[in-house]
Amino acid sequence: MAKGQETQGDGQGVKRHKRFEALEKRDVNQDGYVKEWPEVGLIAMGSPEDPEPSIKIEDGVIVEMDGVAREDFDLVDDFVARTAIDNTIAEEMMALDAVEIARKIVDINVTRAEVLKVFTGLTPAKIAAVMERMNVVEMMMGLQKMRARRTPATQGHVTNVRDNPVLMAADAAEAGMYGFAELETTVGMIRYAPFNALALLVGGQTGRGGIITQDAVEEAMELQLGLRGLTTYAETVSVYGTEDAFRDGDDTPWSKALLASAYASRGIKMRFTSGTGAEVQLASAQGKSMLYLEIKCVMLSKGVGVQGLQNGSISCIGVPAAVPGGIRAVLAENLVTTCLDLEAASGNDQSFSHSPFRRTARTLMQMLPGTDLIFSGYSTVPNYDNMFAGSNFDCDDNDDYLIISRDLKTDGGMVPVDEQEVVAARNKAAEALRAVFEELDLPRITDEEIEAATYAHGSKDMPERDTVQDTKAATKMMERGVTGIDVVKALAKRGFQDVAANVLEMQKQRVSGDYLHTSAILSPDFKVISAVNDVNDYEGPGTGYRLEGERWQRIADIRQALGPDDI
């Protein structure tokens, strides 16, 4: 051994290869990784404890599912068996080989409708076996065919660490200019929730009409905001794949179903939230794989009758991302959601890696085939302001995201914008919110705040507000029973007729109920686009959604590109 390369028993004194020293400094090596540990659920797919697929039906009742007798079902098994499986065809569909079903998903000669029929008769273990037979390219091919709505879209996060409503309104308006179909906020302080909902409603309807908004807070408050017309959808109603996980939150599948019906009965769009890794974090995985447990969540959601599911690991993404094949399992859960004919808001909403390569690779799994909502939370603000713990992409990545879309001619749900048009929209949203605050006798918004919000990168550029005064006023706003109609009146009285008309139209949408259809979003002129009137018709090359015409020209026409007159 050459001099200087001697080793000691404790490993000290080893001469290092300089390339390995360089590699260890790379961003990707700041992430955490673990080996598979099935006993605690740290395995993405195919745990030794996952059950073998089986079903037995007697007198139209499932008496055994995946090797478990009916009398031994837990709450989740019982709900799934009762509500999510078509007993009239289950035995026929379960008899199909898992590889045959996987091929049906990929085969362009097999219609989406045929695949949907097959999946209505499968048990959780059988669906897991089908996903196990597919690689990520095959899953992406399936996702392109199986998503419910023909036209892809995306959702944005609009938050800030100070819960500043003026900045939030301006940020929501800018997000509207970029083309987000849905906007979601949350709070640092729960008492700010009414102001955040109000700011998102006003700002979201200033950038363009038709943006659906929500305030992700405690469920009782979230429901109340929706009932008053200050928000128009909800998705942060979590479901789990084991009974123990449900009990951890004092919930059951039936209590979640009751909450979902409360939203739907008042015309509020509603999705559940779940994702691989949740049960591991709650120490309730029972040795099962993350995907198997997530499939039970998807089937439970189908049984409840909600429009769709926000999944893709969501806030648990660090767990599957740490184990082998974890990102494959995340893609699989999105595909399962579509195969059960649910809207898929497919995650990408929390940063999980220091590596821009890993973050981009994870996002491309949904961006390239397209999903109903590629992000269930692209951070339209800098990640230091993202109160959902930071998104996989944020506003500083906008140009990268748009140019990837341009490079690959794929629709990522966003379009390029003009700087001065964005500035004008931000200023108008801030002024509109000031008008509402004044009409509703809420704390004063100053000229300094309007100016700062118009040009701000984030909350670091904003003057301080009196948080005590704000939170007291927000509480009184709820006690006074302020509704969306009060917002319409305030805007109209102060001359913001177009914004008032947009907010009023959102109230009308709740009455009509058309956007309660699966995968429903609204166009800027408030036309419903859903899986009913915009059903996915992909059947191979030359079919389905194609990025073309005016939409393609807008995405292609980035501000950085030189034209003949520039050269």
Protein backbone atom coordinates (compact mmCIF):
# COMPACT_ATOMS: atom_id res chain seq x y z
CA MET A 1 0.00 0.00 0.00
CA ALA A 2 1.37 3.41 -0.95
CA LYS A 3 2.56 5.73 1.76
CA GLY A 4 -0.28 7.88 3.10
CA GLN A 5 -2.95 5.30 2.29
CA GLU A 6 -2.71 3.31 5.51
CA THR A 7 -5.99 2.83 7.32
CA GLN A 8 -6.78 2.63 11.00
CA GLY A 9 -9.32 0.32 12.57
CA ASP A 10 -11.76 3.16 13.17
CA GLY A 11 -11.57 4.37 9.57
CA GLN A 12 -9.64 7.52 10.38
CA GLY A 13 -6.66 8.40 8.27
CA VAL A 14 -8.09 6.99 5.02
CA LYS A 15 -6.84 8.90 2.01
CA ARG A 16 -9.82 10.14 0.08
CA HIS A 17 -10.48 10.03 -3.65
CA LYS A 18 -10.96 13.70 -4.58
CA ARG A 19 -13.93 12.93 -6.83
CA PHE A 20 -15.79 11.35 -3.93
CA GLU A 21 -14.94 14.36 -1.79
CA ALA A 22 -16.43 16.57 -4.49
CA LEU A 23 -19.51 14.39 -4.81
CA GLU A 24 -20.24 14.56 -1.10
CA LYS A 25 -20.55 18.33 -1.39
CA ARG A 26 -23.25 18.08 -4.05
CA ASP A 27 -26.79 19.18 -3.20
CA VAL A 28 -28.18 15.67 -3.64
CA ASN A 29 -26.08 14.42 -0.73
CA GLN A 30 -27.77 16.81 1.69
CA ASP A 31 -30.93 14.71 1.33
CA GLY A 32 -31.73 11.83 3.64
CA TYR A 33 -31.92 8.21 2.45
CA VAL A 34 -32.84 5.00 4.22
CA LYS A 35 -32.76 1.34 3.33
CA GLU A 36 -36.01 -0.58 3.17
CA TRP A 37 -37.44 -1.46 6.59
CA PRO A 38 -40.74 -3.24 5.90
CA GLU A 39 -41.59 -3.86 9.54
CA VAL A 40 -42.32 -0.15 10.08
CA GLY A 41 -43.65 0.53 6.59
CA LEU A 42 -40.47 2.03 5.15
CA ILE A 43 -40.96 0.31 1.81
CA ALA A 44 -42.52 1.93 -1.22
CA MET A 45 -44.13 -1.05 -2.91
CA GLY A 46 -44.29 -4.80 -2.48
CA SER A 47 -43.90 -5.25 1.28
CA PRO A 48 -43.69 -8.87 2.47
CA GLU A 49 -46.67 -7.97 4.68
CA ASP A 50 -48.84 -6.80 1.77
CA PRO A 51 -51.69 -9.29 1.37
CA GLU A 52 -52.28 -11.52 -1.63
CA PRO A 53 -55.27 -10.43 -3.74
CA SER A 54 -58.51 -12.33 -3.12
CA ILE A 55 -62.24 -11.81 -2.96
CA LYS A 56 -65.20 -13.91 -1.88
CA ILE A 57 -68.78 -12.80 -2.32
CA GLU A 58 -71.84 -14.44 -0.80
CA ASP A 59 -75.37 -13.20 -1.45
CA GLY A 60 -73.99 -9.99 -2.92
CA VAL A 61 -71.82 -9.23 0.12
CA ILE A 62 -68.02 -9.32 0.25
CA VAL A 63 -67.18 -11.84 2.96
CA GLU A 64 -63.44 -11.90 2.31
CA MET A 65 -61.11 -9.32 0.79
CA ASP A 66 -57.38 -9.80 0.27
CA GLY A 67 -57.25 -12.73 2.66
CA VAL A 68 -59.12 -11.02 5.49
CA ALA A 69 -62.54 -12.31 6.57
CA ARG A 70 -65.36 -9.79 6.87
CA GLU A 71 -65.58 -10.18 10.64
CA ASP A 72 -61.92 -9.14 10.85
CA PHE A 73 -62.20 -6.03 8.65
CA ASP A 74 -60.99 -2.79 10.20
CA LEU A 75 -62.90 0.45 9.56
CA VAL A 76 -61.11 1.14 6.28
CA ASP A 77 -61.58 -2.39 4.91
CA ASP A 78 -65.25 -2.32 5.85
CA PHE A 79 -65.86 1.03 4.17
CA VAL A 80 -63.99 0.03 1.00
CA ALA A 81 -65.80 -3.32 0.77
CA ARG A 82 -69.19 -1.67 1.26
CA THR A 83 -68.80 1.32 -1.05
CA ALA A 84 -65.87 1.11 -3.46
CA ILE A 85 -66.11 -2.29 -5.20
CA ASP A 86 -68.76 -3.35 -7.71
CA ASN A 87 -69.77 -6.74 -6.40
CA THR A 88 -71.54 -7.65 -9.62
CA ILE A 89 -68.30 -7.81 -11.60
CA ALA A 90 -65.64 -8.15 -8.88
CA GLU A 91 -65.05 -11.89 -9.28
CA GLU A 92 -64.68 -11.52 -13.05
CA MET A 93 -62.23 -8.62 -12.79
CA MET A 94 -60.23 -10.20 -9.98
CA ALA A 95 -59.73 -13.26 -12.19
CA LEU A 96 -57.78 -11.17 -14.72
CA ASP A 97 -54.00 -11.46 -14.49
CA ALA A 98 -52.25 -8.39 -13.06
CA VAL A 99 -50.02 -8.12 -16.14
CA GLU A 100 -53.06 -8.22 -18.41
CA ILE A 101 -54.64 -5.34 -16.51
CA ALA A 102 -51.39 -3.37 -16.61
CA ARG A 103 -51.26 -3.83 -20.37
CA LYS A 104 -54.81 -2.55 -20.70
CA ILE A 105 -53.71 0.67 -19.00
CA VAL A 106 -50.86 1.19 -21.46
CA ASP A 107 -52.49 -0.18 -24.63
CA ILE A 108 -53.81 2.68 -26.83
CA ASN A 109 -56.30 0.22 -28.35
CA VAL A 110 -57.99 -0.29 -24.98
CA THR A 111 -60.29 2.58 -24.08
CA ARG A 112 -60.20 4.51 -20.85
CA ALA A 113 -63.76 3.40 -20.17
CA GLU A 114 -62.75 -0.26 -20.31
CA VAL A 115 -59.95 0.28 -17.80
CA LEU A 116 -62.30 2.15 -15.48
CA LYS A 117 -64.71 -0.78 -15.55
CA VAL A 118 -61.94 -3.22 -14.63
CA PHE A 119 -60.82 -1.13 -11.67
CA THR A 120 -64.32 -0.93 -10.19
CA GLY A 121 -64.03 -4.66 -9.50
CA LEU A 122 -60.53 -4.80 -7.99
CA THR A 123 -59.42 -5.01 -4.37
CA PRO A 124 -56.58 -2.90 -2.92
CA ALA A 125 -54.08 -5.76 -3.10
CA LYS A 126 -54.97 -6.49 -6.72
CA ILE A 127 -54.48 -2.85 -7.70
CA ALA A 128 -51.11 -2.85 -5.91
CA ALA A 129 -50.13 -5.98 -7.87
CA VAL A 130 -51.03 -4.23 -11.14
CA MET A 131 -48.89 -1.19 -10.30
CA GLU A 132 -45.98 -3.46 -9.36
CA ARG A 133 -45.92 -4.73 -12.95
CA MET A 134 -45.38 -1.26 -14.43
CA ASN A 135 -42.27 0.91 -14.80
CA VAL A 136 -42.44 4.69 -14.66
CA VAL A 137 -42.62 5.18 -18.44
CA GLU A 138 -45.57 2.80 -18.62
CA MET A 139 -47.21 4.60 -15.70
CA MET A 140 -46.78 7.93 -17.48
CA MET A 141 -48.32 6.47 -20.63
CA GLY A 142 -51.23 5.29 -18.53
CA LEU A 143 -51.62 8.64 -16.78
CA GLN A 144 -51.90 10.39 -20.14
CA LYS A 145 -54.84 8.15 -21.05
CA MET A 146 -56.48 7.80 -17.66
CA ARG A 147 -56.68 11.36 -16.29
CA ALA A 148 -60.32 12.42 -16.10
CA ARG A 149 -60.22 15.84 -17.74
CA ARG A 150 -58.81 16.24 -21.25
CA THR A 151 -57.15 19.59 -20.53
CA PRO A 152 -54.38 19.67 -17.90
CA ALA A 153 -54.11 22.51 -15.39
CA THR A 154 -52.33 23.36 -12.16
CA GLN A 155 -52.89 24.85 -8.70
CA GLY A 156 -50.83 27.47 -6.87
CA HIS A 157 -49.98 28.30 -3.27
CA VAL A 158 -50.39 31.94 -2.19
CA THR A 159 -49.14 32.50 1.36
CA ASN A 160 -46.70 34.63 3.31
CA VAL A 161 -45.05 34.32 6.69
CA ARG A 162 -46.66 37.52 7.99
CA ASP A 163 -50.17 36.64 6.78
CA ASN A 164 -50.12 40.06 5.09
CA PRO A 165 -53.45 40.37 3.25
CA VAL A 166 -52.31 43.17 0.93
CA LEU A 167 -49.37 41.16 -0.36
CA MET A 168 -51.59 38.08 -0.62
CA ALA A 169 -54.11 39.87 -2.83
CA ALA A 170 -51.35 41.13 -5.13
CA ASP A 171 -49.71 37.70 -5.31
CA ALA A 172 -53.06 36.07 -6.14
CA ALA A 173 -53.61 38.51 -8.99
CA GLU A 174 -50.18 37.72 -10.42
CA ALA A 175 -50.88 34.00 -10.15
CA GLY A 176 -54.05 34.54 -12.13
CA MET A 177 -52.05 36.18 -14.89
CA TYR A 178 -49.81 33.10 -15.06
CA GLY A 179 -52.87 30.93 -15.62
CA PHE A 180 -53.36 28.99 -12.38
CA ALA A 181 -56.81 27.37 -12.25
CA GLU A 182 -56.92 27.09 -8.45
CA LEU A 183 -55.24 28.99 -5.63
CA GLU A 184 -54.74 27.78 -2.08
CA THR A 185 -53.64 29.65 1.01
CA THR A 186 -53.02 28.86 4.65
CA VAL A 187 -52.03 30.83 7.72
CA GLY A 188 -49.27 31.31 10.21
CA MET A 189 -51.85 32.40 12.80
CA ILE A 190 -55.27 30.74 12.65
CA ARG A 191 -57.06 33.98 13.56
CA TYR A 192 -55.84 35.49 10.29
CA ALA A 193 -57.79 32.89 8.28
CA PRO A 194 -60.74 35.18 7.36
CA PHE A 195 -58.41 37.90 6.05
CA ASN A 196 -56.41 35.38 4.03
CA ALA A 197 -59.56 33.97 2.47
CA LEU A 198 -60.81 37.47 1.69
CA ALA A 199 -57.48 38.55 0.15
CA LEU A 200 -57.29 35.43 -2.00
CA LEU A 201 -60.88 35.86 -3.20
CA VAL A 202 -60.41 39.50 -4.19
CA GLY A 203 -56.92 39.11 -5.64
CA GLY A 204 -57.76 35.88 -7.44
CA GLN A 205 -60.71 37.47 -9.22
CA THR A 206 -58.62 40.51 -10.20
CA GLY A 207 -55.90 38.76 -12.21
CA ARG A 208 -58.56 36.92 -14.21
CA GLY A 209 -62.02 35.56 -13.60
CA GLY A 210 -62.84 31.99 -12.68
CA ILE A 211 -60.08 31.10 -10.24
CA ILE A 212 -61.28 28.70 -7.54
CA THR A 213 -59.81 29.45 -4.10
CA GLN A 214 -59.46 27.80 -0.70
CA ASP A 215 -58.08 28.55 2.76
CA ALA A 216 -56.48 25.41 4.21
CA VAL A 217 -57.10 25.72 7.92
CA GLU A 218 -58.80 23.79 10.72
CA GLU A 219 -61.80 21.94 9.28
CA ALA A 220 -64.57 23.79 11.14
CA MET A 221 -63.18 27.19 10.14
CA GLU A 222 -62.55 26.03 6.58
CA LEU A 223 -66.13 24.86 6.24
CA GLN A 224 -67.48 28.10 7.69
CA LEU A 225 -65.44 30.18 5.23
CA GLY A 226 -66.81 28.10 2.40
CA LEU A 227 -70.42 28.38 3.56
CA ARG A 228 -70.05 32.17 3.60
CA GLY A 229 -68.76 32.29 0.04
CA LEU A 230 -65.28 33.49 1.00
CA THR A 231 -63.75 30.31 -0.45
CA THR A 232 -65.00 28.03 -3.22
CA TYR A 233 -63.27 24.67 -2.76
CA ALA A 234 -61.63 22.49 -0.12
CA GLU A 235 -59.08 19.69 -0.26
CA THR A 236 -57.31 19.46 3.08
CA VAL A 237 -59.61 16.76 4.48
CA SER A 238 -57.20 13.92 5.17
CA VAL A 239 -57.92 10.21 4.92
CA TYR A 240 -55.67 7.28 5.84
CA GLY A 241 -55.10 3.65 4.99
CA THR A 242 -55.28 2.16 8.48
CA GLU A 243 -57.77 2.37 11.31
CA ASP A 244 -55.07 3.40 13.78
CA ALA A 245 -54.14 6.41 11.65
CA PHE A 246 -57.77 7.52 11.51
CA ARG A 247 -58.16 7.17 15.27
CA ASP A 248 -55.06 9.28 15.78
CA GLY A 249 -57.14 12.17 14.50
CA ASP A 250 -60.38 11.13 16.20
CA ASP A 251 -61.89 10.34 12.80
CA THR A 252 -63.43 7.53 10.79
CA PRO A 253 -64.23 7.10 7.09
CA TRP A 254 -67.85 7.90 7.98
CA SER A 255 -67.02 11.18 9.70
CA LYS A 256 -65.02 12.24 6.65
CA ALA A 257 -67.95 11.29 4.42
CA LEU A 258 -70.25 13.46 6.53
CA LEU A 259 -67.87 16.42 6.21
CA ALA A 260 -67.63 15.91 2.45
CA SER A 261 -71.42 15.94 2.15
CA ALA A 262 -71.55 19.22 4.10
CA TYR A 263 -69.31 20.87 1.52
CA ALA A 264 -71.12 19.39 -1.48
CA SER A 265 -74.57 20.33 -0.15
CA ARG A 266 -73.52 23.99 -0.22
CA GLY A 267 -71.96 23.90 -3.68
CA ILE A 268 -68.33 23.82 -2.56
CA LYS A 269 -65.93 21.76 -4.65
CA MET A 270 -64.30 19.08 -2.53
CA ARG A 271 -61.32 16.72 -2.68
CA PHE A 272 -59.75 14.51 -0.05
CA THR A 273 -56.03 14.52 0.74
CA SER A 274 -53.83 11.48 1.25
CA GLY A 275 -50.43 10.23 0.19
CA THR A 276 -47.74 7.60 0.51
CA GLY A 277 -45.87 7.83 3.78
CA ALA A 278 -48.63 9.28 5.97
CA GLU A 279 -49.17 6.08 7.91
CA VAL A 280 -45.41 5.67 8.43
CA GLN A 281 -45.25 9.13 9.97
CA LEU A 282 -48.11 8.21 12.29
CA ALA A 283 -46.42 4.90 13.24
CA SER A 284 -49.50 3.09 11.91
CA ALA A 285 -48.25 1.36 8.76
CA GLN A 286 -48.71 -2.17 10.15
CA GLY A 287 -45.78 -3.38 8.05
CA LYS A 288 -47.63 -2.69 4.79
CA SER A 289 -46.11 -0.88 1.82
CA MET A 290 -46.79 2.80 1.38
CA LEU A 291 -48.53 2.28 -1.95
CA TYR A 292 -50.83 -0.49 -0.70
CA LEU A 293 -52.06 1.75 2.11
CA GLU A 294 -52.47 4.68 -0.25
CA ILE A 295 -54.58 2.56 -2.62
CA LYS A 296 -56.97 1.98 0.27
CA CYS A 297 -57.18 5.77 0.71
CA VAL A 298 -58.00 6.23 -2.97
CA MET A 299 -60.68 3.55 -2.87
CA LEU A 300 -62.14 5.04 0.29
CA SER A 301 -62.34 8.43 -1.46
CA LYS A 302 -64.07 6.80 -4.40
CA GLY A 303 -66.54 5.18 -2.03
CA VAL A 304 -67.34 8.48 -0.32
CA GLY A 305 -68.10 10.11 -3.66
CA VAL A 306 -65.80 13.12 -3.50
CA GLN A 307 -64.67 14.64 -6.79
CA GLY A 308 -61.08 13.66 -6.41
CA LEU A 309 -57.95 13.35 -4.38
CA GLN A 310 -54.95 15.51 -3.63
CA ASN A 311 -52.26 12.86 -3.54
CA GLY A 312 -48.69 12.35 -4.62
CA SER A 313 -47.37 11.99 -1.08
CA ILE A 314 -48.11 15.69 -0.38
CA SER A 315 -46.59 16.73 2.96
CA CYS A 316 -45.13 13.24 3.49
CA ILE A 317 -42.95 13.30 0.35
CA GLY A 318 -39.69 13.06 2.30
CA VAL A 319 -40.65 9.55 3.44
CA PRO A 320 -41.11 7.80 0.06
CA ALA A 321 -38.33 9.91 -1.43
CA ALA A 322 -35.89 8.38 1.06
CA VAL A 323 -36.55 4.73 0.13
CA PRO A 324 -35.73 2.85 -3.09
CA GLY A 325 -38.36 3.34 -5.79
CA GLY A 326 -40.25 5.88 -3.71
CA ILE A 327 -40.89 8.39 -6.47
CA ARG A 328 -42.16 5.52 -8.64
CA ALA A 329 -44.69 4.75 -5.91
CA VAL A 330 -45.78 8.40 -5.86
CA LEU A 331 -46.45 8.24 -9.60
CA ALA A 332 -48.31 4.98 -9.08
CA GLU A 333 -50.67 6.53 -6.54
CA ASN A 334 -51.52 9.29 -9.02
CA LEU A 335 -52.23 6.68 -11.69
CA VAL A 336 -54.45 4.65 -9.35
CA THR A 337 -56.47 7.80 -8.63
CA THR A 338 -57.17 8.30 -12.33
CA CYS A 339 -57.95 4.61 -12.87
CA LEU A 340 -60.72 5.00 -10.29
CA ASP A 341 -62.09 7.99 -12.24
CA LEU A 342 -61.20 10.61 -9.66
CA GLU A 343 -59.70 14.04 -10.22
CA ALA A 344 -55.97 13.90 -9.50
CA ALA A 345 -54.30 16.89 -7.90
CA SER A 346 -50.95 15.17 -8.21
CA GLY A 347 -48.71 16.66 -5.55
CA ASN A 348 -45.40 18.37 -6.35
CA ASP A 349 -46.52 20.75 -3.63
CA GLN A 350 -43.74 20.29 -1.12
CA SER A 351 -40.01 20.48 -1.66
CA PHE A 352 -38.34 17.20 -0.76
CA SER A 353 -34.80 17.56 -2.07
CA HIS A 354 -31.88 19.98 -2.12
CA SER A 355 -31.14 18.76 -5.65
CA PRO A 356 -32.78 20.67 -8.52
CA PHE A 357 -32.32 17.55 -10.64
CA ARG A 358 -34.35 15.36 -8.27
CA ARG A 359 -37.06 18.01 -7.92
CA THR A 360 -37.36 18.36 -11.67
CA ALA A 361 -37.36 14.60 -12.29
CA ARG A 362 -40.13 14.15 -9.74
CA THR A 363 -42.23 16.89 -11.39
CA LEU A 364 -41.77 15.62 -14.94
CA MET A 365 -43.57 12.40 -13.98
CA GLN A 366 -46.80 14.42 -13.84
CA MET A 367 -45.98 17.36 -16.12
CA LEU A 368 -45.22 15.31 -19.22
CA PRO A 369 -48.31 13.06 -19.32
CA GLY A 370 -50.43 15.80 -17.75
CA THR A 371 -52.78 15.48 -14.82
CA ASP A 372 -55.91 17.34 -13.80
CA LEU A 373 -53.75 19.55 -11.56
CA ILE A 374 -50.02 18.92 -12.10
CA PHE A 375 -49.17 20.75 -8.89
CA SER A 376 -51.52 20.71 -5.95
CA GLY A 377 -49.51 23.72 -4.93
CA TYR A 378 -46.88 25.39 -7.13
CA SER A 379 -45.50 28.13 -4.90
CA THR A 380 -46.47 31.37 -6.61
CA VAL A 381 -44.43 33.12 -3.90
CA PRO A 382 -40.80 32.70 -2.82
CA ASN A 383 -40.45 29.54 -0.77
CA TYR A 384 -39.40 31.53 2.30
CA ASP A 385 -43.01 32.77 2.29
CA ASN A 386 -44.60 29.38 1.63
CA MET A 387 -46.47 28.34 4.76
CA PHE A 388 -46.99 24.84 3.37
CA ALA A 389 -43.29 24.18 4.07
CA GLY A 390 -42.13 25.16 0.59
CA SER A 391 -43.12 23.79 -2.82
CA ASN A 392 -41.14 21.74 -5.32
CA PHE A 393 -41.08 24.84 -7.54
CA ASP A 394 -41.55 28.47 -6.52
CA CYS A 395 -41.90 31.84 -8.26
CA ASP A 396 -38.15 32.09 -8.77
CA ASP A 397 -38.42 28.96 -10.93
CA ASN A 398 -41.13 30.37 -13.22
CA ASP A 399 -38.84 30.92 -16.19
CA ASP A 400 -37.28 27.45 -15.84
CA TYR A 401 -40.73 25.84 -15.71
CA LEU A 402 -42.06 27.81 -18.67
CA ILE A 403 -39.00 27.11 -20.80
CA ILE A 404 -39.17 23.37 -20.01
CA SER A 405 -42.77 23.52 -21.21
CA ARG A 406 -41.62 25.33 -24.35
CA ASP A 407 -38.71 22.94 -24.95
CA LEU A 408 -40.88 19.84 -24.75
CA LYS A 409 -44.11 21.35 -26.16
CA THR A 410 -46.06 20.20 -23.15
CA ASP A 411 -48.69 22.14 -21.22
CA GLY A 412 -47.64 22.66 -17.62
CA GLY A 413 -50.67 24.79 -16.79
CA MET A 414 -48.78 28.10 -16.88
CA VAL A 415 -48.22 30.77 -19.56
CA PRO A 416 -45.66 33.57 -19.93
CA VAL A 417 -46.70 37.02 -18.71
CA ASP A 418 -45.87 40.65 -19.43
CA GLU A 419 -44.12 42.44 -16.58
CA GLN A 420 -46.09 45.68 -16.80
CA GLU A 421 -49.40 43.84 -17.05
CA VAL A 422 -48.48 41.93 -13.90
CA VAL A 423 -47.53 45.15 -12.09
CA ALA A 424 -50.88 46.70 -13.07
CA ALA A 425 -52.80 43.63 -11.87
CA ARG A 426 -50.95 43.54 -8.55
CA ASN A 427 -51.65 47.22 -7.95
CA LYS A 428 -55.32 46.85 -8.84
CA ALA A 429 -55.74 43.85 -6.52
CA ALA A 430 -54.15 45.72 -3.61
CA GLU A 431 -56.37 48.75 -4.25
CA ALA A 432 -59.46 46.55 -4.54
CA LEU A 433 -58.68 44.93 -1.21
CA ARG A 434 -58.21 48.36 0.36
CA ALA A 435 -61.66 49.32 -0.91
CA VAL A 436 -63.20 46.21 0.65
CA PHE A 437 -61.40 46.79 3.94
CA GLU A 438 -62.66 50.36 4.09
CA GLU A 439 -66.24 49.43 3.23
CA LEU A 440 -66.27 46.62 5.79
CA ASP A 441 -64.64 48.82 8.47
CA LEU A 442 -61.50 46.70 8.68
CA PRO A 443 -58.00 47.98 9.60
CA ARG A 444 -56.50 50.61 7.33
CA ILE A 445 -54.33 49.71 4.31
CA THR A 446 -51.80 52.47 3.62
CA ASP A 447 -50.39 53.91 0.40
CA GLU A 448 -47.01 52.54 1.49
CA GLU A 449 -48.43 49.01 1.66
CA ILE A 450 -50.07 49.34 -1.76
CA GLU A 451 -46.82 50.50 -3.33
CA ALA A 452 -44.78 47.78 -1.64
CA ALA A 453 -47.21 45.01 -2.57
CA THR A 454 -47.26 46.15 -6.19
CA TYR A 455 -43.54 45.50 -6.65
CA ALA A 456 -42.64 43.09 -3.82
CA HIS A 457 -40.70 39.87 -4.24
CA GLY A 458 -42.04 38.67 -0.90
CA SER A 459 -42.97 39.60 2.65
CA LYS A 460 -39.44 40.85 3.37
CA ASP A 461 -40.31 43.85 1.18
CA MET A 462 -43.52 44.71 3.04
CA PRO A 463 -44.00 47.20 5.91
CA GLU A 464 -45.22 45.75 9.19
CA ARG A 465 -48.93 45.61 9.99
CA ASP A 466 -50.49 45.66 13.45
CA THR A 467 -51.17 41.96 13.86
CA VAL A 468 -53.13 42.42 17.09
CA GLN A 469 -55.50 44.86 15.42
CA ASP A 470 -55.79 42.64 12.33
CA THR A 471 -56.59 39.44 14.20
CA LYS A 472 -59.20 41.19 16.37
CA ALA A 473 -60.82 42.61 13.24
CA ALA A 474 -60.76 39.23 11.49
CA THR A 475 -62.55 37.65 14.45
CA LYS A 476 -65.16 40.41 14.46
CA MET A 477 -65.58 40.01 10.70
CA MET A 478 -66.69 36.42 11.28
CA GLU A 479 -68.89 37.41 14.21
CA ARG A 480 -70.61 40.00 11.99
CA GLY A 481 -71.42 37.31 9.44
CA VAL A 482 -69.60 38.87 6.47
CA THR A 483 -70.21 36.91 3.26
CA GLY A 484 -69.11 36.91 -0.35
CA ILE A 485 -72.09 39.11 -1.22
CA ASP A 486 -70.82 41.77 1.17
CA VAL A 487 -67.53 41.69 -0.73
CA VAL A 488 -69.38 42.11 -4.03
CA LYS A 489 -71.28 45.15 -2.69
CA ALA A 490 -68.10 46.74 -1.34
CA LEU A 491 -66.24 46.33 -4.61
CA ALA A 492 -69.12 47.64 -6.70
CA LYS A 493 -69.65 50.66 -4.45
CA ARG A 494 -66.01 51.65 -4.80
CA GLY A 495 -65.87 51.35 -8.59
CA PHE A 496 -64.27 47.89 -9.01
CA GLN A 497 -67.17 46.71 -11.15
CA ASP A 498 -65.27 44.00 -13.03
CA VAL A 499 -63.84 42.43 -9.87
CA ALA A 500 -67.25 42.64 -8.20
CA ALA A 501 -68.82 40.87 -11.17
CA ASN A 502 -66.21 38.09 -10.98
CA VAL A 503 -66.74 37.57 -7.24
CA LEU A 504 -70.51 37.53 -7.78
CA GLU A 505 -70.12 34.94 -10.53
CA MET A 506 -68.21 32.70 -8.12
CA GLN A 507 -71.20 32.89 -5.76
CA LYS A 508 -73.49 31.90 -8.64
CA GLN A 509 -71.29 28.91 -9.44
CA ARG A 510 -71.96 27.53 -5.98
CA VAL A 511 -75.69 27.78 -6.58
CA SER A 512 -75.60 26.11 -10.00
CA GLY A 513 -73.35 23.29 -8.76
CA ASP A 514 -71.88 22.61 -12.21
CA TYR A 515 -68.33 22.78 -10.93
CA LEU A 516 -69.04 19.90 -8.57
CA HIS A 517 -68.48 17.53 -11.47
CA THR A 518 -65.25 15.49 -11.48
CA SER A 519 -62.15 17.50 -12.40
CA ALA A 520 -64.06 20.76 -12.77
CA ILE A 521 -62.24 24.05 -13.24
CA LEU A 522 -63.49 27.36 -14.65
CA SER A 523 -62.34 29.27 -17.70
CA PRO A 524 -61.71 33.05 -17.40
CA ASP A 525 -65.27 33.60 -18.68
CA PHE A 526 -66.64 31.14 -16.07
CA LYS A 527 -67.36 28.24 -18.36
CA VAL A 528 -67.08 24.92 -16.51
CA ILE A 529 -64.40 22.59 -17.91
CA SER A 530 -64.77 19.12 -16.41
CA ALA A 531 -64.64 15.40 -17.06
CA VAL A 532 -68.25 15.69 -18.26
CA ASN A 533 -67.83 18.22 -21.09
CA ASP A 534 -64.05 17.87 -21.56
CA VAL A 535 -63.57 14.13 -21.09
CA ASN A 536 -60.12 12.73 -21.80
CA ASP A 537 -60.23 11.12 -25.24
CA TYR A 538 -56.62 10.03 -25.59
CA GLU A 539 -56.28 6.89 -27.72
CA GLY A 540 -52.72 7.23 -28.98
CA PRO A 541 -50.90 9.54 -31.42
CA GLY A 542 -53.13 12.14 -33.03
CA THR A 543 -55.77 11.98 -30.29
CA GLY A 544 -56.41 13.59 -26.93
CA TYR A 545 -55.19 16.95 -25.72
CA ARG A 546 -52.55 18.55 -27.94
CA LEU A 547 -50.72 21.79 -27.18
CA GLU A 548 -51.42 23.77 -30.32
CA GLY A 549 -52.89 26.96 -31.77
CA GLU A 550 -53.07 30.14 -29.69
CA ARG A 551 -52.16 28.32 -26.46
CA TRP A 552 -48.95 26.94 -27.97
CA GLN A 553 -48.02 30.27 -29.49
CA ARG A 554 -48.39 31.95 -26.14
CA ILE A 555 -46.19 29.38 -24.39
CA ALA A 556 -43.62 29.56 -27.20
CA ASP A 557 -43.48 33.36 -27.12
CA ILE A 558 -41.28 33.84 -24.06
CA ARG A 559 -39.85 37.29 -23.43
CA GLN A 560 -36.26 36.02 -23.71
CA ALA A 561 -36.63 34.85 -27.32
CA LEU A 562 -35.25 37.08 -30.08
CA GLY A 563 -37.29 37.74 -33.21
CA PRO A 564 -36.17 38.87 -36.67
CA ASP A 565 -36.51 42.52 -35.65
CA ASP A 566 -34.21 41.98 -32.67
CA ILE A 567 -31.27 40.62 -34.65
